Amino acid sequence: MRLLLIALTSLLLSACASQGQVDPQGYRAEGQASYYGARHHGNKTASGERFDQNALTAAHRSLPFGSRVQVTNLRNDKTVVVRINDRGPYAKKRIIDLSQKAAEQLDMLRDGVVPVRVEQLAD
């Protein structure tokens, strides 16, 4: 039993470590998040790659392309790690636009716009 508990603890810790560590010196903000999906699927993003609604990506106004951020839905504490590959959002008061897949993981599809915390991860 003890060995099983140790194995489970190791598995949980390794899963957390693979998400990355929040950079204490990096970008951190709270605001509104929205998402975009099928209507934009396949279109070129500002980084030049094609938008994939099923990838864990996001649009941000100023973070460098390739930056990874942890987004937390402040209504339910669910989190997701996304890679910045586009510019936006263009709606005032919104700080990030997420792919549909990321929005699913945050359980925000029904609401469409939710309060979030965005924290940049260390490289």
PDB file of N, CA and C in Angstrom:
ATOM      1  N   MET A   1       0.825  -1.197   0.000  1.00  0.00           N
ATOM      2  CA  MET A   1       0.000   0.000   0.000  1.00  0.00           C
ATOM      3  C   MET A   1       0.868   1.261   0.000  1.00  0.00           C
ATOM      4  N   ARG A   2       1.921   1.227   0.818  1.00  0.00           N
ATOM      5  CA  ARG A   2       2.802   2.392   0.910  1.00  0.00           C
ATOM      6  C   ARG A   2       3.507   2.653  -0.426  1.00  0.00           C
ATOM      7  N   LEU A   3       3.916   1.588  -1.078  1.00  0.00           N
ATOM      8  CA  LEU A   3       4.567   1.717  -2.380  1.00  0.00           C
ATOM      9  C   LEU A   3       3.620   2.328  -3.404  1.00  0.00           C
ATOM     10  N   LEU A   4       2.361   1.932  -3.364  1.00  0.00           N
ATOM     11  CA  LEU A   4       1.355   2.497  -4.266  1.00  0.00           C
ATOM     12  C   LEU A   4       1.175   3.988  -4.013  1.00  0.00           C
ATOM     13  N   LEU A   5       1.144   4.385  -2.759  1.00  0.00           N
ATOM     14  CA  LEU A   5       1.005   5.797  -2.403  1.00  0.00           C
ATOM     15  C   LEU A   5       2.199   6.609  -2.901  1.00  0.00           C
ATOM     16  N   ILE A   6       3.382   6.064  -2.749  1.00  0.00           N
ATOM     17  CA  ILE A   6       4.590   6.746  -3.231  1.00  0.00           C
ATOM     18  C   ILE A   6       4.554   6.878  -4.751  1.00  0.00           C
ATOM     19  N   ALA A   7       4.148   5.818  -5.434  1.00  0.00           N
ATOM     20  CA  ALA A   7       4.066   5.847  -6.901  1.00  0.00           C
ATOM     21  C   ALA A   7       3.058   6.890  -7.370  1.00  0.00           C
ATOM     22  N   LEU A   8       1.902   6.943  -6.737  1.00  0.00           N
ATOM     23  CA  LEU A   8       0.883   7.925  -7.113  1.00  0.00           C
ATOM     24  C   LEU A   8       1.361   9.352  -6.866  1.00  0.00           C
ATOM     25  N   THR A   9       2.025   9.574  -5.747  1.00  0.00           N
ATOM     26  CA  THR A   9       2.558  10.906  -5.437  1.00  0.00           C
ATOM     27  C   THR A   9       3.594  11.316  -6.485  1.00  0.00           C
ATOM     28  N   SER A  10       4.470  10.400  -6.864  1.00  0.00           N
ATOM     29  CA  SER A  10       5.474  10.692  -7.898  1.00  0.00           C
ATOM     30  C   SER A  10       4.823  11.044  -9.220  1.00  0.00           C
ATOM     31  N   LEU A  11       3.802  10.301  -9.578  1.00  0.00           N
ATOM     32  CA  LEU A  11       3.096  10.554 -10.827  1.00  0.00           C
ATOM     33  C   LEU A  11       2.453  11.937 -10.830  1.00  0.00           C
ATOM     34  N   LEU A  12       1.813  12.297  -9.732  1.00  0.00           N
ATOM     35  CA  LEU A  12       1.181  13.617  -9.631  1.00  0.00           C
ATOM     36  C   LEU A  12       2.212  14.737  -9.698  1.00  0.00           C
ATOM     37  N   LEU A  13       3.321  14.576  -9.006  1.00  0.00           N
ATOM     38  CA  LEU A  13       4.360  15.605  -9.023  1.00  0.00           C
ATOM     39  C   LEU A  13       4.986  15.753 -10.400  1.00  0.00           C
ATOM     40  N   SER A  14       5.203  14.649 -11.098  1.00  0.00           N
ATOM     41  CA  SER A  14       5.788  14.742 -12.440  1.00  0.00           C
ATOM     42  C   SER A  14       4.809  15.389 -13.408  1.00  0.00           C
ATOM     43  N   ALA A  15       3.522  15.151 -13.244  1.00  0.00           N
ATOM     44  CA  ALA A  15       2.519  15.790 -14.103  1.00  0.00           C
ATOM     45  C   ALA A  15       2.514  17.286 -13.878  1.00  0.00           C
ATOM     46  N   CYS A  16       2.618  17.708 -12.633  1.00  0.00           N
ATOM     47  CA  CYS A  16       2.650  19.140 -12.329  1.00  0.00           C
ATOM     48  C   CYS A  16       3.908  19.783 -12.890  1.00  0.00           C
ATOM     49  N   ALA A  17       5.037  19.096 -12.782  1.00  0.00           N
ATOM     50  CA  ALA A  17       6.297  19.652 -13.265  1.00  0.00           C
ATOM     51  C   ALA A  17       6.290  19.819 -14.770  1.00  0.00           C
ATOM     52  N   SER A  18       5.599  18.948 -15.497  1.00  0.00           N
ATOM     53  CA  SER A  18       5.596  19.039 -16.949  1.00  0.00           C
ATOM     54  C   SER A  18       4.824  20.250 -17.447  1.00  0.00           C
ATOM     55  N   GLN A  19       3.969  20.820 -16.618  1.00  0.00           N
ATOM     56  CA  GLN A  19       3.220  22.008 -16.996  1.00  0.00           C
ATOM     57  C   GLN A  19       4.117  23.242 -17.029  1.00  0.00           C
ATOM     58  N   GLY A  20       5.232  23.225 -16.305  1.00  0.00           N
ATOM     59  CA  GLY A  20       6.116  24.368 -16.235  1.00  0.00           C
ATOM     60  C   GLY A  20       5.885  25.135 -14.947  1.00  0.00           C
ATOM     61  N   GLN A  21       6.845  25.959 -14.642  1.00  0.00           N
ATOM     62  CA  GLN A  21       6.788  26.752 -13.419  1.00  0.00           C
ATOM     63  C   GLN A  21       6.474  28.203 -13.775  1.00  0.00           C
ATOM     64  N   VAL A  22       5.622  28.819 -12.968  1.00  0.00           N
ATOM     65  CA  VAL A  22       5.313  30.231 -13.168  1.00  0.00           C
ATOM     66  C   VAL A  22       6.584  31.022 -12.952  1.00  0.00           C
ATOM     67  N   ASP A  23       6.892  31.930 -13.848  1.00  0.00           N
ATOM     68  CA  ASP A  23       8.063  32.790 -13.750  1.00  0.00           C
ATOM     69  C   ASP A  23       7.722  33.952 -12.829  1.00  0.00           C
ATOM     70  N   PRO A  24       8.338  34.030 -11.633  1.00  0.00           N
ATOM     71  CA  PRO A  24       7.987  35.105 -10.695  1.00  0.00           C
ATOM     72  C   PRO A  24       8.299  36.502 -11.246  1.00  0.00           C
ATOM     73  N   GLN A  25       9.195  36.580 -12.228  1.00  0.00           N
ATOM     74  CA  GLN A  25       9.543  37.864 -12.846  1.00  0.00           C
ATOM     75  C   GLN A  25       8.774  38.114 -14.137  1.00  0.00           C
ATOM     76  N   GLY A  26       7.956  37.142 -14.545  1.00  0.00           N
ATOM     77  CA  GLY A  26       7.262  37.216 -15.828  1.00  0.00           C
ATOM     78  C   GLY A  26       5.932  37.951 -15.751  1.00  0.00           C
ATOM     79  N   TYR A  27       5.273  37.985 -16.879  1.00  0.00           N
ATOM     80  CA  TYR A  27       3.979  38.642 -17.032  1.00  0.00           C
ATOM     81  C   TYR A  27       2.937  37.974 -16.150  1.00  0.00           C
ATOM     82  N   ARG A  28       2.109  38.788 -15.516  1.00  0.00           N
ATOM     83  CA  ARG A  28       0.986  38.293 -14.708  1.00  0.00           C
ATOM     84  C   ARG A  28      -0.104  39.347 -14.765  1.00  0.00           C
ATOM     85  N   ALA A  29      -1.320  38.910 -15.108  1.00  0.00           N
ATOM     86  CA  ALA A  29      -2.442  39.856 -15.186  1.00  0.00           C
ATOM     87  C   ALA A  29      -3.750  39.120 -14.943  1.00  0.00           C
ATOM     88  N   GLU A  30      -4.739  39.875 -14.509  1.00  0.00           N
ATOM     89  CA  GLU A  30      -6.094  39.351 -14.382  1.00  0.00           C
ATOM     90  C   GLU A  30      -7.012  40.206 -15.233  1.00  0.00           C
ATOM     91  N   GLY A  31      -7.971  39.559 -15.863  1.00  0.00           N
ATOM     92  CA  GLY A  31      -8.912  40.253 -16.732  1.00  0.00           C
ATOM     93  C   GLY A  31      -9.861  39.246 -17.350  1.00  0.00           C
ATOM     94  N   GLN A  32     -10.424  39.598 -18.476  1.00  0.00           N
ATOM     95  CA  GLN A  32     -11.399  38.739 -19.156  1.00  0.00           C
ATOM     96  C   GLN A  32     -10.733  37.966 -20.302  1.00  0.00           C
ATOM     97  N   ALA A  33     -11.168  36.717 -20.448  1.00  0.00           N
ATOM     98  CA  ALA A  33     -10.710  35.883 -21.565  1.00  0.00           C
ATOM     99  C   ALA A  33     -11.915  35.485 -22.404  1.00  0.00           C
ATOM    100  N   SER A  34     -11.681  35.386 -23.702  1.00  0.00           N
ATOM    101  CA  SER A  34     -12.680  34.858 -24.628  1.00  0.00           C
ATOM    102  C   SER A  34     -11.984  33.768 -25.438  1.00  0.00           C
ATOM    103  N   TYR A  35     -12.707  33.183 -26.384  1.00  0.00           N
ATOM    104  CA  TYR A  35     -12.080  32.154 -27.213  1.00  0.00           C
ATOM    105  C   TYR A  35     -12.559  32.283 -28.648  1.00  0.00           C
ATOM    106  N   TYR A  36     -11.777  31.683 -29.537  1.00  0.00           N
ATOM    107  CA  TYR A  36     -12.166  31.633 -30.944  1.00  0.00           C
ATOM    108  C   TYR A  36     -11.945  30.230 -31.467  1.00  0.00           C
ATOM    109  N   GLY A  37     -12.773  29.852 -32.447  1.00  0.00           N
ATOM    110  CA  GLY A  37     -12.744  28.467 -32.885  1.00  0.00           C
ATOM    111  C   GLY A  37     -12.956  28.273 -34.362  1.00  0.00           C
ATOM    112  N   ALA A  38     -14.020  27.560 -34.710  1.00  0.00           N
ATOM    113  CA  ALA A  38     -14.257  27.062 -36.063  1.00  0.00           C
ATOM    114  C   ALA A  38     -14.200  28.141 -37.141  1.00  0.00           C
ATOM    115  N   ARG A  39     -14.719  29.310 -36.863  1.00  0.00           N
ATOM    116  CA  ARG A  39     -14.749  30.366 -37.887  1.00  0.00           C
ATOM    117  C   ARG A  39     -13.345  30.782 -38.323  1.00  0.00           C
ATOM    118  N   HIS A  40     -12.368  30.625 -37.432  1.00  0.00           N
ATOM    119  CA  HIS A  40     -10.996  31.032 -37.735  1.00  0.00           C
ATOM    120  C   HIS A  40     -10.070  29.854 -38.022  1.00  0.00           C
ATOM    121  N   HIS A  41     -10.583  28.632 -37.867  1.00  0.00           N
ATOM    122  CA  HIS A  41      -9.764  27.438 -38.038  1.00  0.00           C
ATOM    123  C   HIS A  41      -9.117  27.425 -39.432  1.00  0.00           C
ATOM    124  N   GLY A  42      -7.809  27.264 -39.461  1.00  0.00           N
ATOM    125  CA  GLY A  42      -7.076  27.207 -40.719  1.00  0.00           C
ATOM    126  C   GLY A  42      -6.553  28.545 -41.209  1.00  0.00           C
ATOM    127  N   ASN A  43      -7.055  29.648 -40.650  1.00  0.00           N
ATOM    128  CA  ASN A  43      -6.554  30.968 -41.046  1.00  0.00           C
ATOM    129  C   ASN A  43      -5.148  31.178 -40.498  1.00  0.00           C
ATOM    130  N   LYS A  44      -4.371  32.027 -41.163  1.00  0.00           N
ATOM    131  CA  LYS A  44      -3.037  32.353 -40.681  1.00  0.00           C
ATOM    132  C   LYS A  44      -3.135  33.233 -39.442  1.00  0.00           C
ATOM    133  N   THR A  45      -2.292  32.920 -38.461  1.00  0.00           N
ATOM    134  CA  THR A  45      -2.193  33.757 -37.272  1.00  0.00           C
ATOM    135  C   THR A  45      -1.127  34.823 -37.510  1.00  0.00           C
ATOM    136  N   ALA A  46      -1.005  35.755 -36.582  1.00  0.00           N
ATOM    137  CA  ALA A  46       0.001  36.815 -36.707  1.00  0.00           C
ATOM    138  C   ALA A  46       1.421  36.251 -36.721  1.00  0.00           C
ATOM    139  N   SER A  47       1.618  35.069 -36.133  1.00  0.00           N
ATOM    140  CA  SER A  47       2.949  34.450 -36.135  1.00  0.00           C
ATOM    141  C   SER A  47       3.262  33.756 -37.453  1.00  0.00           C
ATOM    142  N   GLY A  48       2.248  33.617 -38.313  1.00  0.00           N
ATOM    143  CA  GLY A  48       2.444  32.970 -39.601  1.00  0.00           C
ATOM    144  C   GLY A  48       1.973  31.528 -39.653  1.00  0.00           C
ATOM    145  N   GLU A  49       1.731  30.928 -38.503  1.00  0.00           N
ATOM    146  CA  GLU A  49       1.226  29.546 -38.525  1.00  0.00           C
ATOM    147  C   GLU A  49      -0.282  29.547 -38.694  1.00  0.00           C
ATOM    148  N   ARG A  50      -0.810  28.413 -39.056  1.00  0.00           N
ATOM    149  CA  ARG A  50      -2.258  28.276 -39.226  1.00  0.00           C
ATOM    150  C   ARG A  50      -2.923  28.068 -37.865  1.00  0.00           C
ATOM    151  N   PHE A  51      -4.060  28.728 -37.664  1.00  0.00           N
ATOM    152  CA  PHE A  51      -4.799  28.557 -36.423  1.00  0.00           C
ATOM    153  C   PHE A  51      -5.443  27.179 -36.396  1.00  0.00           C
ATOM    154  N   ASP A  52      -5.237  26.478 -35.291  1.00  0.00           N
ATOM    155  CA  ASP A  52      -5.838  25.159 -35.082  1.00  0.00           C
ATOM    156  C   ASP A  52      -6.688  25.249 -33.826  1.00  0.00           C
ATOM    157  N   GLN A  53      -7.992  25.186 -33.988  1.00  0.00           N
ATOM    158  CA  GLN A  53      -8.895  25.318 -32.849  1.00  0.00           C
ATOM    159  C   GLN A  53      -8.714  24.188 -31.829  1.00  0.00           C
ATOM    160  N   ASN A  54      -8.050  23.104 -32.241  1.00  0.00           N
ATOM    161  CA  ASN A  54      -7.837  21.956 -31.362  1.00  0.00           C
ATOM    162  C   ASN A  54      -6.466  21.949 -30.690  1.00  0.00           C
ATOM    163  N   ALA A  55      -5.697  23.004 -30.906  1.00  0.00           N
ATOM    164  CA  ALA A  55      -4.392  23.132 -30.259  1.00  0.00           C
ATOM    165  C   ALA A  55      -4.528  24.032 -29.033  1.00  0.00           C
ATOM    166  N   LEU A  56      -3.588  23.904 -28.122  1.00  0.00           N
ATOM    167  CA  LEU A  56      -3.601  24.748 -26.918  1.00  0.00           C
ATOM    168  C   LEU A  56      -2.785  26.007 -27.189  1.00  0.00           C
ATOM    169  N   THR A  57      -3.434  26.977 -27.844  1.00  0.00           N
ATOM    170  CA  THR A  57      -2.784  28.222 -28.230  1.00  0.00           C
ATOM    171  C   THR A  57      -3.657  29.403 -27.825  1.00  0.00           C
ATOM    172  N   ALA A  58      -3.088  30.610 -27.971  1.00  0.00           N
ATOM    173  CA  ALA A  58      -3.827  31.811 -27.582  1.00  0.00           C
ATOM    174  C   ALA A  58      -3.266  33.033 -28.291  1.00  0.00           C
ATOM    175  N   ALA A  59      -4.091  34.080 -28.276  1.00  0.00           N
ATOM    176  CA  ALA A  59      -3.684  35.382 -28.800  1.00  0.00           C
ATOM    177  C   ALA A  59      -3.508  36.333 -27.630  1.00  0.00           C
ATOM    178  N   HIS A  60      -2.412  37.103 -27.678  1.00  0.00           N
ATOM    179  CA  HIS A  60      -2.132  38.114 -26.661  1.00  0.00           C
ATOM    180  C   HIS A  60      -1.587  39.342 -27.362  1.00  0.00           C
ATOM    181  N   ARG A  61      -1.851  40.502 -26.808  1.00  0.00           N
ATOM    182  CA  ARG A  61      -1.442  41.744 -27.474  1.00  0.00           C
ATOM    183  C   ARG A  61       0.071  41.939 -27.553  1.00  0.00           C
ATOM    184  N   SER A  62       0.817  41.517 -26.514  1.00  0.00           N
ATOM    185  CA  SER A  62       2.230  41.896 -26.488  1.00  0.00           C
ATOM    186  C   SER A  62       3.226  40.789 -26.146  1.00  0.00           C
ATOM    187  N   LEU A  63       2.803  39.695 -25.559  1.00  0.00           N
ATOM    188  CA  LEU A  63       3.764  38.642 -25.224  1.00  0.00           C
ATOM    189  C   LEU A  63       4.405  38.073 -26.483  1.00  0.00           C
ATOM    190  N   PRO A  64       5.687  37.735 -26.416  1.00  0.00           N
ATOM    191  CA  PRO A  64       6.369  37.191 -27.599  1.00  0.00           C
ATOM    192  C   PRO A  64       5.742  35.885 -28.069  1.00  0.00           C
ATOM    193  N   PHE A  65       5.728  35.687 -29.382  1.00  0.00           N
ATOM    194  CA  PHE A  65       5.257  34.423 -29.932  1.00  0.00           C
ATOM    195  C   PHE A  65       6.103  33.297 -29.345  1.00  0.00           C
ATOM    196  N   GLY A  66       5.447  32.204 -29.038  1.00  0.00           N
ATOM    197  CA  GLY A  66       6.143  31.067 -28.438  1.00  0.00           C
ATOM    198  C   GLY A  66       6.119  31.074 -26.924  1.00  0.00           C
ATOM    199  N   SER A  67       5.764  32.205 -26.315  1.00  0.00           N
ATOM    200  CA  SER A  67       5.663  32.259 -24.852  1.00  0.00           C
ATOM    201  C   SER A  67       4.598  31.279 -24.397  1.00  0.00           C
ATOM    202  N   ARG A  68       4.849  30.650 -23.268  1.00  0.00           N
ATOM    203  CA  ARG A  68       3.853  29.766 -22.676  1.00  0.00           C
ATOM    204  C   ARG A  68       3.303  30.439 -21.420  1.00  0.00           C
ATOM    205  N   VAL A  69       1.993  30.411 -21.301  1.00  0.00           N
ATOM    206  CA  VAL A  69       1.341  31.006 -20.144  1.00  0.00           C
ATOM    207  C   VAL A  69       0.358  30.014 -19.536  1.00  0.00           C
ATOM    208  N   GLN A  70       0.188  30.133 -18.237  1.00  0.00           N
ATOM    209  CA  GLN A  70      -0.831  29.357 -17.540  1.00  0.00           C
ATOM    210  C   GLN A  70      -2.028  30.269 -17.356  1.00  0.00           C
ATOM    211  N   VAL A  71      -3.184  29.805 -17.792  1.00  0.00           N
ATOM    212  CA  VAL A  71      -4.418  30.577 -17.684  1.00  0.00           C
ATOM    213  C   VAL A  71      -5.319  29.873 -16.676  1.00  0.00           C
ATOM    214  N   THR A  72      -5.804  30.625 -15.691  1.00  0.00           N
ATOM    215  CA  THR A  72      -6.680  30.079 -14.657  1.00  0.00           C
ATOM    216  C   THR A  72      -8.041  30.743 -14.750  1.00  0.00           C
ATOM    217  N   ASN A  73      -9.080  29.930 -14.879  1.00  0.00           N
ATOM    218  CA  ASN A  73     -10.454  30.422 -14.847  1.00  0.00           C
ATOM    219  C   ASN A  73     -10.762  30.742 -13.390  1.00  0.00           C
ATOM    220  N   LEU A  74     -10.994  32.009 -13.074  1.00  0.00           N
ATOM    221  CA  LEU A  74     -11.197  32.423 -11.691  1.00  0.00           C
ATOM    222  C   LEU A  74     -12.564  32.022 -11.141  1.00  0.00           C
ATOM    223  N   ARG A  75     -13.452  31.546 -11.998  1.00  0.00           N
ATOM    224  CA  ARG A  75     -14.760  31.075 -11.527  1.00  0.00           C
ATOM    225  C   ARG A  75     -14.712  29.643 -11.004  1.00  0.00           C
ATOM    226  N   ASN A  76     -13.772  28.832 -11.540  1.00  0.00           N
ATOM    227  CA  ASN A  76     -13.746  27.419 -11.140  1.00  0.00           C
ATOM    228  C   ASN A  76     -12.340  26.890 -10.828  1.00  0.00           C
ATOM    229  N   ASP A  77     -11.324  27.748 -10.921  1.00  0.00           N
ATOM    230  CA  ASP A  77      -9.923  27.393 -10.635  1.00  0.00           C
ATOM    231  C   ASP A  77      -9.327  26.360 -11.583  1.00  0.00           C
ATOM    232  N   LYS A  78      -9.960  26.094 -12.709  1.00  0.00           N
ATOM    233  CA  LYS A  78      -9.364  25.195 -13.706  1.00  0.00           C
ATOM    234  C   LYS A  78      -8.266  25.953 -14.437  1.00  0.00           C
ATOM    235  N   THR A  79      -7.200  25.227 -14.802  1.00  0.00           N
ATOM    236  CA  THR A  79      -6.072  25.867 -15.475  1.00  0.00           C
ATOM    237  C   THR A  79      -5.727  25.129 -16.762  1.00  0.00           C
ATOM    238  N   VAL A  80      -5.061  25.867 -17.642  1.00  0.00           N
ATOM    239  CA  VAL A  80      -4.556  25.304 -18.885  1.00  0.00           C
ATOM    240  C   VAL A  80      -3.281  26.070 -19.244  1.00  0.00           C
ATOM    241  N   VAL A  81      -2.340  25.371 -19.863  1.00  0.00           N
ATOM    242  CA  VAL A  81      -1.124  26.015 -20.371  1.00  0.00           C
ATOM    243  C   VAL A  81      -1.263  26.147 -21.877  1.00  0.00           C
ATOM    244  N   VAL A  82      -1.064  27.364 -22.380  1.00  0.00           N
ATOM    245  CA  VAL A  82      -1.175  27.635 -23.811  1.00  0.00           C
ATOM    246  C   VAL A  82       0.083  28.323 -24.320  1.00  0.00           C
ATOM    247  N   ARG A  83       0.275  28.224 -25.622  1.00  0.00           N
ATOM    248  CA  ARG A  83       1.398  28.890 -26.301  1.00  0.00           C
ATOM    249  C   ARG A  83       0.847  30.077 -27.075  1.00  0.00           C
ATOM    250  N   ILE A  84       1.497  31.227 -26.951  1.00  0.00           N
ATOM    251  CA  ILE A  84       1.065  32.428 -27.669  1.00  0.00           C
ATOM    252  C   ILE A  84       1.528  32.327 -29.115  1.00  0.00           C
ATOM    253  N   ASN A  85       0.559  32.415 -30.054  1.00  0.00           N
ATOM    254  CA  ASN A  85       0.910  32.347 -31.479  1.00  0.00           C
ATOM    255  C   ASN A  85       0.134  33.355 -32.317  1.00  0.00           C
ATOM    256  N   ASP A  86      -0.596  34.259 -31.654  1.00  0.00           N
ATOM    257  CA  ASP A  86      -1.406  35.220 -32.400  1.00  0.00           C
ATOM    258  C   ASP A  86      -1.508  36.516 -31.606  1.00  0.00           C
ATOM    259  N   ARG A  87      -1.996  37.558 -32.259  1.00  0.00           N
ATOM    260  CA  ARG A  87      -2.208  38.857 -31.612  1.00  0.00           C
ATOM    261  C   ARG A  87      -3.693  39.063 -31.367  1.00  0.00           C
ATOM    262  N   GLY A  88      -3.989  39.789 -30.339  1.00  0.00           N
ATOM    263  CA  GLY A  88      -5.353  40.058 -29.917  1.00  0.00           C
ATOM    264  C   GLY A  88      -5.382  39.954 -28.410  1.00  0.00           C
ATOM    265  N   PRO A  89      -6.490  40.007 -27.803  1.00  0.00           N
ATOM    266  CA  PRO A  89      -7.819  40.235 -28.369  1.00  0.00           C
ATOM    267  C   PRO A  89      -8.021  41.707 -28.704  1.00  0.00           C
ATOM    268  N   TYR A  90      -8.995  41.957 -29.517  1.00  0.00           N
ATOM    269  CA  TYR A  90      -9.263  43.324 -29.941  1.00  0.00           C
ATOM    270  C   TYR A  90     -10.424  43.950 -29.188  1.00  0.00           C
ATOM    271  N   ALA A  91     -11.137  43.159 -28.413  1.00  0.00           N
ATOM    272  CA  ALA A  91     -12.223  43.696 -27.580  1.00  0.00           C
ATOM    273  C   ALA A  91     -11.625  44.307 -26.317  1.00  0.00           C
ATOM    274  N   LYS A  92     -12.104  45.470 -25.934  1.00  0.00           N
ATOM    275  CA  LYS A  92     -11.616  46.120 -24.719  1.00  0.00           C
ATOM    276  C   LYS A  92     -11.908  45.248 -23.507  1.00  0.00           C
ATOM    277  N   LYS A  93     -11.083  45.365 -22.518  1.00  0.00           N
ATOM    278  CA  LYS A  93     -11.180  44.658 -21.235  1.00  0.00           C
ATOM    279  C   LYS A  93     -10.817  43.179 -21.312  1.00  0.00           C
ATOM    280  N   ARG A  94     -10.552  42.661 -22.496  1.00  0.00           N
ATOM    281  CA  ARG A  94     -10.116  41.271 -22.613  1.00  0.00           C
ATOM    282  C   ARG A  94      -8.599  41.242 -22.706  1.00  0.00           C
ATOM    283  N   ILE A  95      -7.998  40.278 -22.021  1.00  0.00           N
ATOM    284  CA  ILE A  95      -6.534  40.224 -22.004  1.00  0.00           C
ATOM    285  C   ILE A  95      -5.969  39.057 -22.791  1.00  0.00           C
ATOM    286  N   ILE A  96      -6.818  38.076 -23.149  1.00  0.00           N
ATOM    287  CA  ILE A  96      -6.340  36.920 -23.900  1.00  0.00           C
ATOM    288  C   ILE A  96      -7.509  36.293 -24.648  1.00  0.00           C
ATOM    289  N   ASP A  97      -7.230  35.800 -25.847  1.00  0.00           N
ATOM    290  CA  ASP A  97      -8.182  35.006 -26.640  1.00  0.00           C
ATOM    291  C   ASP A  97      -7.608  33.597 -26.732  1.00  0.00           C
ATOM    292  N   LEU A  98      -8.387  32.625 -26.328  1.00  0.00           N
ATOM    293  CA  LEU A  98      -7.933  31.237 -26.282  1.00  0.00           C
ATOM    294  C   LEU A  98      -8.482  30.431 -27.453  1.00  0.00           C
ATOM    295  N   SER A  99      -7.775  29.376 -27.796  1.00  0.00           N
ATOM    296  CA  SER A  99      -8.321  28.426 -28.771  1.00  0.00           C
ATOM    297  C   SER A  99      -9.517  27.720 -28.146  1.00  0.00           C
ATOM    298  N   GLN A 100     -10.346  27.128 -28.987  1.00  0.00           N
ATOM    299  CA  GLN A 100     -11.514  26.416 -28.476  1.00  0.00           C
ATOM    300  C   GLN A 100     -11.105  25.272 -27.542  1.00  0.00           C
ATOM    301  N   LYS A 101     -10.027  24.562 -27.872  1.00  0.00           N
ATOM    302  CA  LYS A 101      -9.562  23.456 -27.027  1.00  0.00           C
ATOM    303  C   LYS A 101      -9.174  23.958 -25.635  1.00  0.00           C
ATOM    304  N   ALA A 102      -8.479  25.084 -25.568  1.00  0.00           N
ATOM    305  CA  ALA A 102      -8.106  25.651 -24.270  1.00  0.00           C
ATOM    306  C   ALA A 102      -9.350  26.084 -23.499  1.00  0.00           C
ATOM    307  N   ALA A 103     -10.314  26.670 -24.198  1.00  0.00           N
ATOM    308  CA  ALA A 103     -11.564  27.093 -23.562  1.00  0.00           C
ATOM    309  C   ALA A 103     -12.327  25.896 -23.005  1.00  0.00           C
ATOM    310  N   GLU A 104     -12.302  24.789 -23.731  1.00  0.00           N
ATOM    311  CA  GLU A 104     -12.939  23.566 -23.231  1.00  0.00           C
ATOM    312  C   GLU A 104     -12.318  23.131 -21.915  1.00  0.00           C
ATOM    313  N   GLN A 105     -10.992  23.166 -21.855  1.00  0.00           N
ATOM    314  CA  GLN A 105     -10.304  22.724 -20.640  1.00  0.00           C
ATOM    315  C   GLN A 105     -10.590  23.641 -19.457  1.00  0.00           C
ATOM    316  N   LEU A 106     -10.910  24.898 -19.735  1.00  0.00           N
ATOM    317  CA  LEU A 106     -11.264  25.838 -18.664  1.00  0.00           C
ATOM    318  C   LEU A 106     -12.755  25.814 -18.349  1.00  0.00           C
ATOM    319  N   ASP A 107     -13.504  24.997 -19.089  1.00  0.00           N
ATOM    320  CA  ASP A 107     -14.953  24.893 -18.909  1.00  0.00           C
ATOM    321  C   ASP A 107     -15.634  26.253 -19.063  1.00  0.00           C
ATOM    322  N   MET A 108     -15.306  26.933 -20.179  1.00  0.00           N
ATOM    323  CA  MET A 108     -15.855  28.274 -20.411  1.00  0.00           C
ATOM    324  C   MET A 108     -16.618  28.388 -21.723  1.00  0.00           C
ATOM    325  N   LEU A 109     -16.875  27.282 -22.396  1.00  0.00           N
ATOM    326  CA  LEU A 109     -17.533  27.353 -23.696  1.00  0.00           C
ATOM    327  C   LEU A 109     -18.928  27.961 -23.590  1.00  0.00           C
ATOM    328  N   ARG A 110     -19.684  27.608 -22.584  1.00  0.00           N
ATOM    329  CA  ARG A 110     -21.047  28.121 -22.464  1.00  0.00           C
ATOM    330  C   ARG A 110     -21.048  29.628 -22.178  1.00  0.00           C
ATOM    331  N   ASP A 111     -20.160  30.056 -21.281  1.00  0.00           N
ATOM    332  CA  ASP A 111     -20.125  31.474 -20.905  1.00  0.00           C
ATOM    333  C   ASP A 111     -19.514  32.351 -21.996  1.00  0.00           C
ATOM    334  N   GLY A 112     -18.506  31.843 -22.677  1.00  0.00           N
ATOM    335  CA  GLY A 112     -17.867  32.604 -23.748  1.00  0.00           C
ATOM    336  C   GLY A 112     -16.798  33.562 -23.273  1.00  0.00           C
ATOM    337  N   VAL A 113     -17.060  34.291 -22.216  1.00  0.00           N
ATOM    338  CA  VAL A 113     -16.104  35.237 -21.629  1.00  0.00           C
ATOM    339  C   VAL A 113     -16.090  34.985 -20.126  1.00  0.00           C
ATOM    340  N   VAL A 114     -14.887  34.810 -19.569  1.00  0.00           N
ATOM    341  CA  VAL A 114     -14.765  34.555 -18.133  1.00  0.00           C
ATOM    342  C   VAL A 114     -13.585  35.334 -17.558  1.00  0.00           C
ATOM    343  N   PRO A 115     -13.615  35.593 -16.246  1.00  0.00           N
ATOM    344  CA  PRO A 115     -12.462  36.218 -15.605  1.00  0.00           C
ATOM    345  C   PRO A 115     -11.331  35.197 -15.457  1.00  0.00           C
ATOM    346  N   VAL A 116     -10.106  35.626 -15.773  1.00  0.00           N
ATOM    347  CA  VAL A 116      -8.951  34.729 -15.719  1.00  0.00           C
ATOM    348  C   VAL A 116      -7.742  35.423 -15.109  1.00  0.00           C
ATOM    349  N   ARG A 117      -6.795  34.588 -14.727  1.00  0.00           N
ATOM    350  CA  ARG A 117      -5.449  35.047 -14.368  1.00  0.00           C
ATOM    351  C   ARG A 117      -4.527  34.440 -15.405  1.00  0.00           C
ATOM    352  N   VAL A 118      -3.631  35.247 -15.956  1.00  0.00           N
ATOM    353  CA  VAL A 118      -2.654  34.800 -16.943  1.00  0.00           C
ATOM    354  C   VAL A 118      -1.268  34.977 -16.334  1.00  0.00           C
ATOM    355  N   GLU A 119      -0.490  33.876 -16.280  1.00  0.00           N
ATOM    356  CA  GLU A 119       0.847  33.918 -15.703  1.00  0.00           C
ATOM    357  C   GLU A 119       1.842  33.294 -16.668  1.00  0.00           C
ATOM    358  N   GLN A 120       2.898  34.042 -16.977  1.00  0.00           N
ATOM    359  CA  GLN A 120       3.912  33.549 -17.896  1.00  0.00           C
ATOM    360  C   GLN A 120       4.736  32.470 -17.208  1.00  0.00           C
ATOM    361  N   LEU A 121       5.070  31.417 -17.959  1.00  0.00           N
ATOM    362  CA  LEU A 121       5.875  30.327 -17.432  1.00  0.00           C
ATOM    363  C   LEU A 121       7.338  30.545 -17.765  1.00  0.00           C
ATOM    364  N   ALA A 122       8.185  30.018 -16.898  1.00  0.00           N
ATOM    365  CA  ALA A 122       9.630  30.088 -17.145  1.00  0.00           C
ATOM    366  C   ALA A 122       9.969  29.188 -18.325  1.00  0.00           C
ATOM    367  N   ASP A 123      11.002  29.553 -19.061  1.00  0.00           N
ATOM    368  CA  ASP A 123      11.409  28.752 -20.241  1.00  0.00           C
ATOM    369  C   ASP A 123      11.855  27.383 -19.877  1.00  0.00           C
TER     370      ASP A 123
END
